[in-house]
Amino acid sequence: MDETRRLPFHSTRRNHPVYVHSTMLYCLQLSFLLVFSISVSVYNVLFCSSLQHIIRLFIIYSLHIFMLSLFLTSVSTFCFFLFFML
């Protein structure tokens, strides 16, 4: 039988440039999302008068942040595996 040995996921080379780039991109998008969510929260508290309006904006911005995070994570993962396999 011809068995192919696969390396476990944790044994990827940590000093590989694509791994470093993907990790930096992930940290960058997390910091962007954190700053964006804080700024939206501050804006909502300072410039919105009604509680219902604040809750509505919070839900809308939370969904936008979640979708943006999902998109950026999928793109960075795709790029990581694309360059890692080449």
N, C-alpha and C. Protein backbone atom coordinates (compact mmCIF):
# COMPACT_ATOMS: atom_id res chain seq x y z
N MET A 1 0.83 -1.19 0.00
CA MET A 1 0.00 0.00 0.00
C MET A 1 0.87 1.25 0.00
N ASP A 2 0.43 2.15 -0.78
CA ASP A 2 1.17 3.42 -0.85
C ASP A 2 0.51 4.42 0.09
N GLU A 3 1.14 4.65 1.20
CA GLU A 3 0.59 5.58 2.17
C GLU A 3 1.38 6.88 2.12
N THR A 4 0.67 7.95 2.06
CA THR A 4 1.33 9.25 2.09
C THR A 4 1.31 9.75 3.53
N ARG A 5 2.44 10.19 3.96
CA ARG A 5 2.54 10.74 5.32
C ARG A 5 2.28 12.23 5.29
N ARG A 6 1.39 12.64 6.11
CA ARG A 6 1.10 14.06 6.21
C ARG A 6 1.65 14.57 7.54
N LEU A 7 2.20 15.75 7.44
CA LEU A 7 2.71 16.37 8.66
C LEU A 7 1.54 16.93 9.47
N PRO A 8 1.63 16.87 10.77
CA PRO A 8 0.58 17.50 11.57
C PRO A 8 0.59 19.02 11.37
N PHE A 9 -0.54 19.60 11.65
CA PHE A 9 -0.68 21.03 11.39
C PHE A 9 0.31 21.86 12.21
N HIS A 10 0.60 21.44 13.44
CA HIS A 10 1.47 22.24 14.30
C HIS A 10 2.94 22.16 13.88
N SER A 11 3.27 21.28 12.94
CA SER A 11 4.68 21.14 12.57
C SER A 11 5.06 22.00 11.37
N THR A 12 4.20 22.93 10.98
CA THR A 12 4.56 23.84 9.89
C THR A 12 5.72 24.71 10.33
N ARG A 13 6.50 25.11 9.38
CA ARG A 13 7.68 25.92 9.71
C ARG A 13 7.24 27.32 10.14
N ARG A 14 7.55 27.66 11.35
CA ARG A 14 7.11 28.95 11.89
C ARG A 14 7.90 30.12 11.32
N ASN A 15 9.05 29.86 10.78
CA ASN A 15 9.84 30.97 10.22
C ASN A 15 9.61 31.13 8.72
N HIS A 16 8.64 30.42 8.19
CA HIS A 16 8.33 30.55 6.77
C HIS A 16 7.75 31.94 6.52
N PRO A 17 8.19 32.64 5.46
CA PRO A 17 7.72 34.02 5.23
C PRO A 17 6.21 34.13 5.06
N VAL A 18 5.60 33.13 4.46
CA VAL A 18 4.15 33.19 4.27
C VAL A 18 3.43 33.06 5.61
N TYR A 19 3.96 32.21 6.48
CA TYR A 19 3.37 32.07 7.81
C TYR A 19 3.48 33.39 8.59
N VAL A 20 4.65 34.00 8.52
CA VAL A 20 4.86 35.27 9.22
C VAL A 20 3.94 36.34 8.65
N HIS A 21 3.82 36.39 7.33
CA HIS A 21 2.96 37.38 6.69
C HIS A 21 1.50 37.16 7.06
N SER A 22 1.07 35.91 7.07
CA SER A 22 -0.31 35.61 7.42
C SER A 22 -0.60 35.97 8.88
N THR A 23 0.34 35.69 9.76
CA THR A 23 0.16 36.04 11.17
C THR A 23 0.11 37.55 11.35
N MET A 24 0.96 38.26 10.65
CA MET A 24 0.95 39.73 10.75
C MET A 24 -0.36 40.29 10.20
N LEU A 25 -0.85 39.72 9.11
CA LEU A 25 -2.11 40.17 8.54
C LEU A 25 -3.27 39.92 9.49
N TYR A 26 -3.26 38.77 10.14
CA TYR A 26 -4.31 38.44 11.10
C TYR A 26 -4.27 39.40 12.29
N CYS A 27 -3.09 39.69 12.80
CA CYS A 27 -2.96 40.65 13.91
C CYS A 27 -3.40 42.05 13.49
N LEU A 28 -3.07 42.41 12.27
CA LEU A 28 -3.46 43.72 11.76
C LEU A 28 -4.97 43.84 11.65
N GLN A 29 -5.62 42.81 11.14
CA GLN A 29 -7.07 42.90 11.01
C GLN A 29 -7.75 42.87 12.37
N LEU A 30 -7.19 42.14 13.33
CA LEU A 30 -7.77 42.17 14.67
C LEU A 30 -7.63 43.54 15.31
N SER A 31 -6.48 44.17 15.14
CA SER A 31 -6.31 45.51 15.70
C SER A 31 -7.21 46.52 15.00
N PHE A 32 -7.38 46.37 13.69
CA PHE A 32 -8.30 47.25 12.95
C PHE A 32 -9.72 47.10 13.47
N LEU A 33 -10.16 45.87 13.67
CA LEU A 33 -11.51 45.64 14.16
C LEU A 33 -11.70 46.18 15.57
N LEU A 34 -10.68 46.06 16.38
CA LEU A 34 -10.76 46.58 17.74
C LEU A 34 -10.89 48.11 17.73
N VAL A 35 -10.05 48.76 16.96
CA VAL A 35 -10.09 50.23 16.88
C VAL A 35 -11.41 50.69 16.28
N PHE A 36 -11.87 50.00 15.25
CA PHE A 36 -13.12 50.38 14.60
C PHE A 36 -14.31 50.22 15.55
N SER A 37 -14.35 49.12 16.28
CA SER A 37 -15.47 48.91 17.19
C SER A 37 -15.45 49.91 18.35
N ILE A 38 -14.26 50.26 18.83
CA ILE A 38 -14.17 51.26 19.90
C ILE A 38 -14.62 52.63 19.40
N SER A 39 -14.19 52.99 18.20
CA SER A 39 -14.58 54.30 17.66
C SER A 39 -16.08 54.37 17.40
N VAL A 40 -16.67 53.28 16.91
CA VAL A 40 -18.11 53.26 16.70
C VAL A 40 -18.85 53.36 18.03
N SER A 41 -18.36 52.69 19.03
CA SER A 41 -19.00 52.74 20.35
C SER A 41 -18.93 54.15 20.94
N VAL A 42 -17.79 54.78 20.82
CA VAL A 42 -17.64 56.15 21.33
C VAL A 42 -18.55 57.11 20.57
N TYR A 43 -18.61 56.94 19.25
CA TYR A 43 -19.48 57.80 18.45
C TYR A 43 -20.94 57.61 18.86
N ASN A 44 -21.34 56.37 19.05
CA ASN A 44 -22.74 56.10 19.42
C ASN A 44 -23.08 56.70 20.77
N VAL A 45 -22.18 56.60 21.71
CA VAL A 45 -22.47 57.13 23.04
C VAL A 45 -22.50 58.66 23.02
N LEU A 46 -21.60 59.28 22.27
CA LEU A 46 -21.52 60.74 22.28
C LEU A 46 -22.59 61.43 21.44
N PHE A 47 -22.92 60.85 20.28
CA PHE A 47 -23.75 61.58 19.33
C PHE A 47 -25.14 61.01 19.10
N CYS A 48 -25.50 59.95 19.78
CA CYS A 48 -26.84 59.39 19.61
C CYS A 48 -27.66 59.69 20.86
N SER A 49 -28.89 60.10 20.64
CA SER A 49 -29.68 60.53 21.77
C SER A 49 -30.54 59.42 22.37
N SER A 50 -31.12 58.57 21.55
CA SER A 50 -32.02 57.57 22.11
C SER A 50 -31.35 56.21 22.24
N LEU A 51 -31.77 55.49 23.23
CA LEU A 51 -31.21 54.16 23.49
C LEU A 51 -31.56 53.19 22.37
N GLN A 52 -32.75 53.32 21.82
CA GLN A 52 -33.15 52.44 20.72
C GLN A 52 -32.25 52.65 19.50
N HIS A 53 -31.92 53.88 19.23
CA HIS A 53 -31.03 54.19 18.11
C HIS A 53 -29.63 53.63 18.35
N ILE A 54 -29.14 53.74 19.57
CA ILE A 54 -27.82 53.20 19.92
C ILE A 54 -27.80 51.68 19.74
N ILE A 55 -28.84 51.01 20.19
CA ILE A 55 -28.91 49.55 20.06
C ILE A 55 -28.97 49.15 18.59
N ARG A 56 -29.76 49.86 17.81
CA ARG A 56 -29.87 49.56 16.38
C ARG A 56 -28.52 49.74 15.68
N LEU A 57 -27.84 50.83 15.96
CA LEU A 57 -26.53 51.05 15.35
C LEU A 57 -25.50 50.02 15.81
N PHE A 58 -25.58 49.65 17.07
CA PHE A 58 -24.66 48.64 17.59
C PHE A 58 -24.84 47.30 16.87
N ILE A 59 -26.08 46.91 16.66
CA ILE A 59 -26.34 45.65 15.96
C ILE A 59 -25.87 45.72 14.52
N ILE A 60 -26.15 46.83 13.85
CA ILE A 60 -25.73 46.98 12.45
C ILE A 60 -24.21 46.96 12.33
N TYR A 61 -23.53 47.73 13.17
CA TYR A 61 -22.07 47.77 13.10
C TYR A 61 -21.44 46.45 13.53
N SER A 62 -22.06 45.77 14.46
CA SER A 62 -21.54 44.47 14.86
C SER A 62 -21.61 43.47 13.71
N LEU A 63 -22.71 43.50 12.99
CA LEU A 63 -22.83 42.61 11.82
C LEU A 63 -21.82 42.97 10.74
N HIS A 64 -21.62 44.26 10.52
CA HIS A 64 -20.62 44.68 9.53
C HIS A 64 -19.22 44.26 9.94
N ILE A 65 -18.89 44.43 11.20
CA ILE A 65 -17.56 44.04 11.68
C ILE A 65 -17.37 42.53 11.56
N PHE A 66 -18.42 41.79 11.90
CA PHE A 66 -18.32 40.34 11.79
C PHE A 66 -18.12 39.90 10.34
N MET A 67 -18.87 40.49 9.41
CA MET A 67 -18.72 40.12 8.00
C MET A 67 -17.36 40.53 7.46
N LEU A 68 -16.87 41.68 7.85
CA LEU A 68 -15.55 42.11 7.41
C LEU A 68 -14.47 41.20 7.98
N SER A 69 -14.61 40.82 9.21
CA SER A 69 -13.65 39.91 9.82
C SER A 69 -13.66 38.56 9.12
N LEU A 70 -14.84 38.06 8.82
CA LEU A 70 -14.96 36.78 8.12
C LEU A 70 -14.31 36.86 6.74
N PHE A 71 -14.56 37.95 6.04
CA PHE A 71 -13.99 38.11 4.71
C PHE A 71 -12.46 38.19 4.76
N LEU A 72 -11.93 39.02 5.64
CA LEU A 72 -10.48 39.17 5.73
C LEU A 72 -9.79 37.89 6.19
N THR A 73 -10.43 37.17 7.09
CA THR A 73 -9.85 35.90 7.53
C THR A 73 -9.83 34.88 6.41
N SER A 74 -10.91 34.82 5.64
CA SER A 74 -10.93 33.86 4.54
C SER A 74 -9.93 34.22 3.47
N VAL A 75 -9.77 35.50 3.17
CA VAL A 75 -8.80 35.92 2.16
C VAL A 75 -7.38 35.63 2.63
N SER A 76 -7.08 35.95 3.88
CA SER A 76 -5.72 35.69 4.37
C SER A 76 -5.43 34.20 4.45
N THR A 77 -6.42 33.40 4.83
CA THR A 77 -6.22 31.95 4.86
C THR A 77 -6.01 31.39 3.46
N PHE A 78 -6.80 31.88 2.52
CA PHE A 78 -6.65 31.43 1.13
C PHE A 78 -5.26 31.78 0.60
N CYS A 79 -4.81 33.00 0.85
CA CYS A 79 -3.48 33.41 0.38
C CYS A 79 -2.39 32.60 1.06
N PHE A 80 -2.57 32.33 2.35
CA PHE A 80 -1.57 31.54 3.07
C PHE A 80 -1.43 30.15 2.46
N PHE A 81 -2.55 29.47 2.24
CA PHE A 81 -2.47 28.12 1.69
C PHE A 81 -2.07 28.11 0.23
N LEU A 82 -2.45 29.14 -0.51
CA LEU A 82 -2.06 29.22 -1.91
C LEU A 82 -0.55 29.36 -2.03
N PHE A 83 0.04 30.27 -1.27
CA PHE A 83 1.49 30.48 -1.36
C PHE A 83 2.27 29.36 -0.67
N PHE A 84 1.67 28.77 0.34
CA PHE A 84 2.37 27.70 1.05
C PHE A 84 2.45 26.43 0.20
N MET A 85 1.44 26.20 -0.62
CA MET A 85 1.43 25.00 -1.45
C MET A 85 2.29 25.14 -2.70
N LEU A 86 2.57 26.36 -3.10
CA LEU A 86 3.38 26.55 -4.31
C LEU A 86 4.85 26.30 -4.07
